Amino acid sequence: RVYNSHVILDDAGRLRCLYRKVHLFDVTIPGKVNLRESATTAPGTELVVCDSPLGRLGVTTCYDLRFSEMYLDLVREGGAEVLL
């Protein structure tokens, strides 16, 4: 399986940090839709923060937005100043 990832590069094109999406989106609505991101995507296991010229970035992606405790941890434990 692959990872759904958020990559941050610096101004020279070097990798600054790599976040692998923790919360995968699976939903089944009988007779309408069956979406299973987990069928092809492996979940990440770590929260990621990295320093940038804009401040300390808390890196997330997509469906993670539904999990507010993750953002609290990025700020409180990781020192994130900007949430992506």
PDB file of N, CA and C in Angstrom:
ATOM      1  N   ARG A   1       0.837  -1.200   0.000  1.00  0.00           N
ATOM      2  CA  ARG A   1       0.000   0.000   0.000  1.00  0.00           C
ATOM      3  C   ARG A   1       0.868   1.244   0.000  1.00  0.00           C
ATOM      4  N   VAL A   2       0.301   2.343  -0.407  1.00  0.00           N
ATOM      5  CA  VAL A   2       1.002   3.626  -0.455  1.00  0.00           C
ATOM      6  C   VAL A   2       0.590   4.479   0.742  1.00  0.00           C
ATOM      7  N   TYR A   3       1.261   5.610   0.913  1.00  0.00           N
ATOM      8  CA  TYR A   3       0.902   6.583   1.941  1.00  0.00           C
ATOM      9  C   TYR A   3       0.349   7.829   1.276  1.00  0.00           C
ATOM     10  N   ASN A   4      -0.656   8.444   1.873  1.00  0.00           N
ATOM     11  CA  ASN A   4      -1.140   9.757   1.470  1.00  0.00           C
ATOM     12  C   ASN A   4      -0.287  10.740   2.266  1.00  0.00           C
ATOM     13  N   SER A   5       0.578  11.473   1.597  1.00  0.00           N
ATOM     14  CA  SER A   5       1.615  12.252   2.284  1.00  0.00           C
ATOM     15  C   SER A   5       1.564  13.740   1.967  1.00  0.00           C
ATOM     16  N   HIS A   6       2.020  14.520   2.930  1.00  0.00           N
ATOM     17  CA  HIS A   6       2.183  15.966   2.797  1.00  0.00           C
ATOM     18  C   HIS A   6       3.682  16.221   2.931  1.00  0.00           C
ATOM     19  N   VAL A   7       4.285  16.778   1.892  1.00  0.00           N
ATOM     20  CA  VAL A   7       5.726  16.982   1.838  1.00  0.00           C
ATOM     21  C   VAL A   7       6.031  18.471   1.928  1.00  0.00           C
ATOM     22  N   ILE A   8       6.984  18.844   2.769  1.00  0.00           N
ATOM     23  CA  ILE A   8       7.446  20.231   2.864  1.00  0.00           C
ATOM     24  C   ILE A   8       8.896  20.271   2.391  1.00  0.00           C
ATOM     25  N   LEU A   9       9.151  21.099   1.382  1.00  0.00           N
ATOM     26  CA  LEU A   9      10.496  21.297   0.842  1.00  0.00           C
ATOM     27  C   LEU A   9      10.984  22.689   1.194  1.00  0.00           C
ATOM     28  N   ASP A  10      12.299  22.865   1.327  1.00  0.00           N
ATOM     29  CA  ASP A  10      12.837  24.201   1.572  1.00  0.00           C
ATOM     30  C   ASP A  10      13.094  24.909   0.245  1.00  0.00           C
ATOM     31  N   ASP A  11      13.639  26.107   0.309  1.00  0.00           N
ATOM     32  CA  ASP A  11      13.834  26.904  -0.912  1.00  0.00           C
ATOM     33  C   ASP A  11      14.882  26.325  -1.854  1.00  0.00           C
ATOM     34  N   ALA A  12      15.663  25.348  -1.396  1.00  0.00           N
ATOM     35  CA  ALA A  12      16.646  24.679  -2.249  1.00  0.00           C
ATOM     36  C   ALA A  12      16.117  23.335  -2.759  1.00  0.00           C
ATOM     37  N   GLY A  13      14.870  23.011  -2.428  1.00  0.00           N
ATOM     38  CA  GLY A  13      14.274  21.770  -2.876  1.00  0.00           C
ATOM     39  C   GLY A  13      14.579  20.562  -2.000  1.00  0.00           C
ATOM     40  N   ARG A  14      15.177  20.812  -0.846  1.00  0.00           N
ATOM     41  CA  ARG A  14      15.480  19.714   0.088  1.00  0.00           C
ATOM     42  C   ARG A  14      14.256  19.397   0.949  1.00  0.00           C
ATOM     43  N   LEU A  15      14.117  18.127   1.276  1.00  0.00           N
ATOM     44  CA  LEU A  15      13.020  17.687   2.125  1.00  0.00           C
ATOM     45  C   LEU A  15      13.193  18.244   3.532  1.00  0.00           C
ATOM     46  N   ARG A  16      12.197  18.986   4.011  1.00  0.00           N
ATOM     47  CA  ARG A  16      12.210  19.512   5.387  1.00  0.00           C
ATOM     48  C   ARG A  16      11.441  18.591   6.318  1.00  0.00           C
ATOM     49  N   CYS A  17      10.288  18.089   5.845  1.00  0.00           N
ATOM     50  CA  CYS A  17       9.532  17.122   6.638  1.00  0.00           C
ATOM     51  C   CYS A  17       8.560  16.377   5.740  1.00  0.00           C
ATOM     52  N   LEU A  18       8.133  15.227   6.252  1.00  0.00           N
ATOM     53  CA  LEU A  18       7.207  14.364   5.536  1.00  0.00           C
ATOM     54  C   LEU A  18       6.161  13.882   6.533  1.00  0.00           C
ATOM     55  N   TYR A  19       4.915  14.192   6.238  1.00  0.00           N
ATOM     56  CA  TYR A  19       3.800  13.744   7.082  1.00  0.00           C
ATOM     57  C   TYR A  19       3.012  12.695   6.314  1.00  0.00           C
ATOM     58  N   ARG A  20       2.752  11.577   6.948  1.00  0.00           N
ATOM     59  CA  ARG A  20       1.916  10.538   6.377  1.00  0.00           C
ATOM     60  C   ARG A  20       0.564  10.563   7.077  1.00  0.00           C
ATOM     61  N   LYS A  21      -0.476  10.762   6.296  1.00  0.00           N
ATOM     62  CA  LYS A  21      -1.836  10.939   6.819  1.00  0.00           C
ATOM     63  C   LYS A  21      -2.214   9.850   7.821  1.00  0.00           C
ATOM     64  N   VAL A  22      -2.633  10.277   9.000  1.00  0.00           N
ATOM     65  CA  VAL A  22      -2.975   9.367  10.090  1.00  0.00           C
ATOM     66  C   VAL A  22      -4.414   8.848   9.970  1.00  0.00           C
ATOM     67  N   HIS A  23      -5.353   9.737   9.688  1.00  0.00           N
ATOM     68  CA  HIS A  23      -6.779   9.378   9.671  1.00  0.00           C
ATOM     69  C   HIS A  23      -7.236   9.111   8.238  1.00  0.00           C
ATOM     70  N   LEU A  24      -7.465   7.854   7.933  1.00  0.00           N
ATOM     71  CA  LEU A  24      -7.913   7.488   6.592  1.00  0.00           C
ATOM     72  C   LEU A  24      -9.438   7.558   6.513  1.00  0.00           C
ATOM     73  N   PHE A  25      -9.934   7.840   5.318  1.00  0.00           N
ATOM     74  CA  PHE A  25     -11.366   8.052   5.109  1.00  0.00           C
ATOM     75  C   PHE A  25     -12.011   6.784   4.558  1.00  0.00           C
ATOM     76  N   ASP A  26     -12.827   6.155   5.373  1.00  0.00           N
ATOM     77  CA  ASP A  26     -13.630   5.009   4.957  1.00  0.00           C
ATOM     78  C   ASP A  26     -15.088   5.325   5.260  1.00  0.00           C
ATOM     79  N   VAL A  27     -15.951   5.161   4.279  1.00  0.00           N
ATOM     80  CA  VAL A  27     -17.377   5.394   4.513  1.00  0.00           C
ATOM     81  C   VAL A  27     -18.185   4.451   3.625  1.00  0.00           C
ATOM     82  N   THR A  28     -19.250   3.927   4.202  1.00  0.00           N
ATOM     83  CA  THR A  28     -20.183   3.103   3.449  1.00  0.00           C
ATOM     84  C   THR A  28     -21.590   3.625   3.690  1.00  0.00           C
ATOM     85  N   ILE A  29     -22.264   3.957   2.607  1.00  0.00           N
ATOM     86  CA  ILE A  29     -23.673   4.321   2.643  1.00  0.00           C
ATOM     87  C   ILE A  29     -24.374   3.266   1.789  1.00  0.00           C
ATOM     88  N   PRO A  30     -25.062   2.330   2.422  1.00  0.00           N
ATOM     89  CA  PRO A  30     -25.654   1.206   1.692  1.00  0.00           C
ATOM     90  C   PRO A  30     -26.477   1.654   0.477  1.00  0.00           C
ATOM     91  N   GLY A  31     -26.181   0.999  -0.633  1.00  0.00           N
ATOM     92  CA  GLY A  31     -26.894   1.290  -1.876  1.00  0.00           C
ATOM     93  C   GLY A  31     -26.431   2.547  -2.585  1.00  0.00           C
ATOM     94  N   LYS A  32     -25.472   3.285  -1.990  1.00  0.00           N
ATOM     95  CA  LYS A  32     -25.043   4.546  -2.601  1.00  0.00           C
ATOM     96  C   LYS A  32     -23.539   4.610  -2.844  1.00  0.00           C
ATOM     97  N   VAL A  33     -22.760   4.427  -1.786  1.00  0.00           N
ATOM     98  CA  VAL A  33     -21.320   4.623  -1.940  1.00  0.00           C
ATOM     99  C   VAL A  33     -20.552   3.749  -0.951  1.00  0.00           C
ATOM    100  N   ASN A  34     -19.393   3.291  -1.393  1.00  0.00           N
ATOM    101  CA  ASN A  34     -18.487   2.552  -0.533  1.00  0.00           C
ATOM    102  C   ASN A  34     -17.068   3.040  -0.850  1.00  0.00           C
ATOM    103  N   LEU A  35     -16.574   3.950  -0.043  1.00  0.00           N
ATOM    104  CA  LEU A  35     -15.234   4.504  -0.232  1.00  0.00           C
ATOM    105  C   LEU A  35     -14.333   3.982   0.878  1.00  0.00           C
ATOM    106  N   ARG A  36     -13.208   3.381   0.495  1.00  0.00           N
ATOM    107  CA  ARG A  36     -12.305   2.799   1.481  1.00  0.00           C
ATOM    108  C   ARG A  36     -10.870   3.196   1.153  1.00  0.00           C
ATOM    109  N   GLU A  37     -10.467   4.340   1.651  1.00  0.00           N
ATOM    110  CA  GLU A  37      -9.079   4.777   1.453  1.00  0.00           C
ATOM    111  C   GLU A  37      -8.122   3.736   2.032  1.00  0.00           C
ATOM    112  N   SER A  38      -8.526   3.084   3.110  1.00  0.00           N
ATOM    113  CA  SER A  38      -7.659   2.102   3.768  1.00  0.00           C
ATOM    114  C   SER A  38      -7.410   0.857   2.913  1.00  0.00           C
ATOM    115  N   ALA A  39      -8.176   0.656   1.866  1.00  0.00           N
ATOM    116  CA  ALA A  39      -7.955  -0.501   0.993  1.00  0.00           C
ATOM    117  C   ALA A  39      -6.665  -0.367   0.191  1.00  0.00           C
ATOM    118  N   THR A  40      -6.240   0.864  -0.065  1.00  0.00           N
ATOM    119  CA  THR A  40      -5.044   1.083  -0.890  1.00  0.00           C
ATOM    120  C   THR A  40      -3.982   1.935  -0.203  1.00  0.00           C
ATOM    121  N   THR A  41      -4.323   2.508   0.948  1.00  0.00           N
ATOM    122  CA  THR A  41      -3.440   3.452   1.619  1.00  0.00           C
ATOM    123  C   THR A  41      -3.149   2.989   3.036  1.00  0.00           C
ATOM    124  N   ALA A  42      -1.885   3.056   3.422  1.00  0.00           N
ATOM    125  CA  ALA A  42      -1.488   2.715   4.791  1.00  0.00           C
ATOM    126  C   ALA A  42      -1.529   3.986   5.641  1.00  0.00           C
ATOM    127  N   PRO A  43      -1.950   3.886   6.904  1.00  0.00           N
ATOM    128  CA  PRO A  43      -1.979   5.081   7.748  1.00  0.00           C
ATOM    129  C   PRO A  43      -0.591   5.412   8.297  1.00  0.00           C
ATOM    130  N   GLY A  44      -0.353   6.697   8.488  1.00  0.00           N
ATOM    131  CA  GLY A  44       0.843   7.122   9.194  1.00  0.00           C
ATOM    132  C   GLY A  44       0.635   6.935  10.679  1.00  0.00           C
ATOM    133  N   THR A  45       1.708   7.139  11.448  1.00  0.00           N
ATOM    134  CA  THR A  45       1.617   6.901  12.888  1.00  0.00           C
ATOM    135  C   THR A  45       2.121   8.066  13.722  1.00  0.00           C
ATOM    136  N   GLU A  46       2.656   9.109  13.086  1.00  0.00           N
ATOM    137  CA  GLU A  46       3.284  10.191  13.842  1.00  0.00           C
ATOM    138  C   GLU A  46       2.748  11.560  13.437  1.00  0.00           C
ATOM    139  N   LEU A  47       2.643  12.445  14.430  1.00  0.00           N
ATOM    140  CA  LEU A  47       2.366  13.849  14.148  1.00  0.00           C
ATOM    141  C   LEU A  47       3.680  14.496  13.745  1.00  0.00           C
ATOM    142  N   VAL A  48       3.606  15.504  12.868  1.00  0.00           N
ATOM    143  CA  VAL A  48       4.824  16.115  12.329  1.00  0.00           C
ATOM    144  C   VAL A  48       4.757  17.627  12.451  1.00  0.00           C
ATOM    145  N   VAL A  49       5.817  18.203  12.986  1.00  0.00           N
ATOM    146  CA  VAL A  49       6.018  19.649  12.978  1.00  0.00           C
ATOM    147  C   VAL A  49       7.399  19.915  12.393  1.00  0.00           C
ATOM    148  N   CYS A  50       7.546  21.045  11.720  1.00  0.00           N
ATOM    149  CA  CYS A  50       8.865  21.401  11.201  1.00  0.00           C
ATOM    150  C   CYS A  50       9.007  22.916  11.167  1.00  0.00           C
ATOM    151  N   ASP A  51      10.240  23.354  11.316  1.00  0.00           N
ATOM    152  CA  ASP A  51      10.538  24.780  11.306  1.00  0.00           C
ATOM    153  C   ASP A  51      10.559  25.301   9.881  1.00  0.00           C
ATOM    154  N   SER A  52      10.098  26.544   9.718  1.00  0.00           N
ATOM    155  CA  SER A  52      10.084  27.199   8.411  1.00  0.00           C
ATOM    156  C   SER A  52      10.279  28.697   8.627  1.00  0.00           C
ATOM    157  N   PRO A  53      10.523  29.443   7.557  1.00  0.00           N
ATOM    158  CA  PRO A  53      10.627  30.898   7.687  1.00  0.00           C
ATOM    159  C   PRO A  53       9.339  31.549   8.214  1.00  0.00           C
ATOM    160  N   LEU A  54       8.199  30.858   8.087  1.00  0.00           N
ATOM    161  CA  LEU A  54       6.919  31.390   8.560  1.00  0.00           C
ATOM    162  C   LEU A  54       6.640  31.047  10.012  1.00  0.00           C
ATOM    163  N   GLY A  55       7.428  30.160  10.575  1.00  0.00           N
ATOM    164  CA  GLY A  55       7.216  29.677  11.938  1.00  0.00           C
ATOM    165  C   GLY A  55       7.217  28.169  11.959  1.00  0.00           C
ATOM    166  N   ARG A  56       6.878  27.615  13.093  1.00  0.00           N
ATOM    167  CA  ARG A  56       6.855  26.152  13.256  1.00  0.00           C
ATOM    168  C   ARG A  56       5.538  25.624  12.691  1.00  0.00           C
ATOM    169  N   LEU A  57       5.632  24.756  11.679  1.00  0.00           N
ATOM    170  CA  LEU A  57       4.470  24.249  10.961  1.00  0.00           C
ATOM    171  C   LEU A  57       3.963  22.946  11.562  1.00  0.00           C
ATOM    172  N   GLY A  58       2.673  22.858  11.792  1.00  0.00           N
ATOM    173  CA  GLY A  58       2.015  21.605  12.148  1.00  0.00           C
ATOM    174  C   GLY A  58       1.397  21.050  10.871  1.00  0.00           C
ATOM    175  N   VAL A  59       1.883  19.898  10.426  1.00  0.00           N
ATOM    176  CA  VAL A  59       1.538  19.391   9.098  1.00  0.00           C
ATOM    177  C   VAL A  59       0.444  18.317   9.193  1.00  0.00           C
ATOM    178  N   THR A  60      -0.611  18.504   8.403  1.00  0.00           N
ATOM    179  CA  THR A  60      -1.721  17.547   8.325  1.00  0.00           C
ATOM    180  C   THR A  60      -2.178  17.473   6.876  1.00  0.00           C
ATOM    181  N   THR A  61      -3.207  16.690   6.639  1.00  0.00           N
ATOM    182  CA  THR A  61      -3.792  16.661   5.303  1.00  0.00           C
ATOM    183  C   THR A  61      -5.253  16.219   5.358  1.00  0.00           C
ATOM    184  N   CYS A  62      -6.066  16.838   4.557  1.00  0.00           N
ATOM    185  CA  CYS A  62      -7.408  16.391   4.217  1.00  0.00           C
ATOM    186  C   CYS A  62      -8.293  16.031   5.415  1.00  0.00           C
ATOM    187  N   TYR A  63      -8.672  14.787   5.510  1.00  0.00           N
ATOM    188  CA  TYR A  63      -9.652  14.289   6.487  1.00  0.00           C
ATOM    189  C   TYR A  63      -9.193  14.481   7.932  1.00  0.00           C
ATOM    190  N   ASP A  64      -7.898  14.683   8.173  1.00  0.00           N
ATOM    191  CA  ASP A  64      -7.403  14.932   9.531  1.00  0.00           C
ATOM    192  C   ASP A  64      -8.153  16.097  10.186  1.00  0.00           C
ATOM    193  N   LEU A  65      -8.648  17.013   9.383  1.00  0.00           N
ATOM    194  CA  LEU A  65      -9.347  18.193   9.881  1.00  0.00           C
ATOM    195  C   LEU A  65     -10.498  17.843  10.825  1.00  0.00           C
ATOM    196  N   ARG A  66     -11.044  16.677  10.684  1.00  0.00           N
ATOM    197  CA  ARG A  66     -12.173  16.262  11.536  1.00  0.00           C
ATOM    198  C   ARG A  66     -11.754  15.850  12.945  1.00  0.00           C
ATOM    199  N   PHE A  67     -10.450  15.827  13.218  1.00  0.00           N
ATOM    200  CA  PHE A  67      -9.942  15.354  14.498  1.00  0.00           C
ATOM    201  C   PHE A  67      -9.226  16.495  15.223  1.00  0.00           C
ATOM    202  N   SER A  68     -10.004  17.309  15.913  1.00  0.00           N
ATOM    203  CA  SER A  68      -9.478  18.518  16.537  1.00  0.00           C
ATOM    204  C   SER A  68      -8.391  18.238  17.568  1.00  0.00           C
ATOM    205  N   GLU A  69      -8.452  17.099  18.246  1.00  0.00           N
ATOM    206  CA  GLU A  69      -7.430  16.785  19.249  1.00  0.00           C
ATOM    207  C   GLU A  69      -6.038  16.687  18.629  1.00  0.00           C
ATOM    208  N   MET A  70      -5.986  16.320  17.362  1.00  0.00           N
ATOM    209  CA  MET A  70      -4.698  16.246  16.667  1.00  0.00           C
ATOM    210  C   MET A  70      -4.063  17.631  16.583  1.00  0.00           C
ATOM    211  N   TYR A  71      -4.869  18.631  16.301  1.00  0.00           N
ATOM    212  CA  TYR A  71      -4.362  20.000  16.183  1.00  0.00           C
ATOM    213  C   TYR A  71      -3.943  20.553  17.548  1.00  0.00           C
ATOM    214  N   LEU A  72      -4.682  20.189  18.573  1.00  0.00           N
ATOM    215  CA  LEU A  72      -4.283  20.588  19.927  1.00  0.00           C
ATOM    216  C   LEU A  72      -2.923  19.992  20.275  1.00  0.00           C
ATOM    217  N   ASP A  73      -2.710  18.729  19.931  1.00  0.00           N
ATOM    218  CA  ASP A  73      -1.416  18.085  20.193  1.00  0.00           C
ATOM    219  C   ASP A  73      -0.288  18.738  19.399  1.00  0.00           C
ATOM    220  N   LEU A  74      -0.552  19.102  18.155  1.00  0.00           N
ATOM    221  CA  LEU A  74       0.475  19.765  17.345  1.00  0.00           C
ATOM    222  C   LEU A  74       0.924  21.074  17.993  1.00  0.00           C
ATOM    223  N   VAL A  75      -0.031  21.803  18.558  1.00  0.00           N
ATOM    224  CA  VAL A  75       0.280  23.077  19.203  1.00  0.00           C
ATOM    225  C   VAL A  75       0.890  22.866  20.582  1.00  0.00           C
ATOM    226  N   ARG A  76       0.214  22.090  21.412  1.00  0.00           N
ATOM    227  CA  ARG A  76       0.639  21.931  22.809  1.00  0.00           C
ATOM    228  C   ARG A  76       1.914  21.107  22.958  1.00  0.00           C
ATOM    229  N   GLU A  77       2.030  20.024  22.224  1.00  0.00           N
ATOM    230  CA  GLU A  77       3.179  19.140  22.371  1.00  0.00           C
ATOM    231  C   GLU A  77       4.276  19.425  21.347  1.00  0.00           C
ATOM    232  N   GLY A  78       3.868  19.845  20.155  1.00  0.00           N
ATOM    233  CA  GLY A  78       4.857  20.076  19.101  1.00  0.00           C
ATOM    234  C   GLY A  78       5.288  21.516  18.922  1.00  0.00           C
ATOM    235  N   GLY A  79       4.567  22.433  19.576  1.00  0.00           N
ATOM    236  CA  GLY A  79       4.922  23.841  19.456  1.00  0.00           C
ATOM    237  C   GLY A  79       4.562  24.471  18.127  1.00  0.00           C
ATOM    238  N   ALA A  80       3.619  23.876  17.413  1.00  0.00           N
ATOM    239  CA  ALA A  80       3.219  24.410  16.105  1.00  0.00           C
ATOM    240  C   ALA A  80       2.649  25.828  16.260  1.00  0.00           C
ATOM    241  N   GLU A  81       3.047  26.690  15.348  1.00  0.00           N
ATOM    242  CA  GLU A  81       2.553  28.076  15.302  1.00  0.00           C
ATOM    243  C   GLU A  81       1.642  28.308  14.100  1.00  0.00           C
ATOM    244  N   VAL A  82       1.818  27.503  13.049  1.00  0.00           N
ATOM    245  CA  VAL A  82       1.020  27.566  11.830  1.00  0.00           C
ATOM    246  C   VAL A  82       0.510  26.155  11.562  1.00  0.00           C
ATOM    247  N   LEU A  83      -0.796  26.001  11.361  1.00  0.00           N
ATOM    248  CA  LEU A  83      -1.376  24.684  11.093  1.00  0.00           C
ATOM    249  C   LEU A  83      -1.734  24.573   9.621  1.00  0.00           C
ATOM    250  N   LEU A  84      -1.253  23.514   9.008  1.00  0.00           N
ATOM    251  CA  LEU A  84      -1.521  23.277   7.578  1.00  0.00           C
ATOM    252  C   LEU A  84      -2.474  22.119   7.415  1.00  0.00           C
TER     253      LEU A  84
END
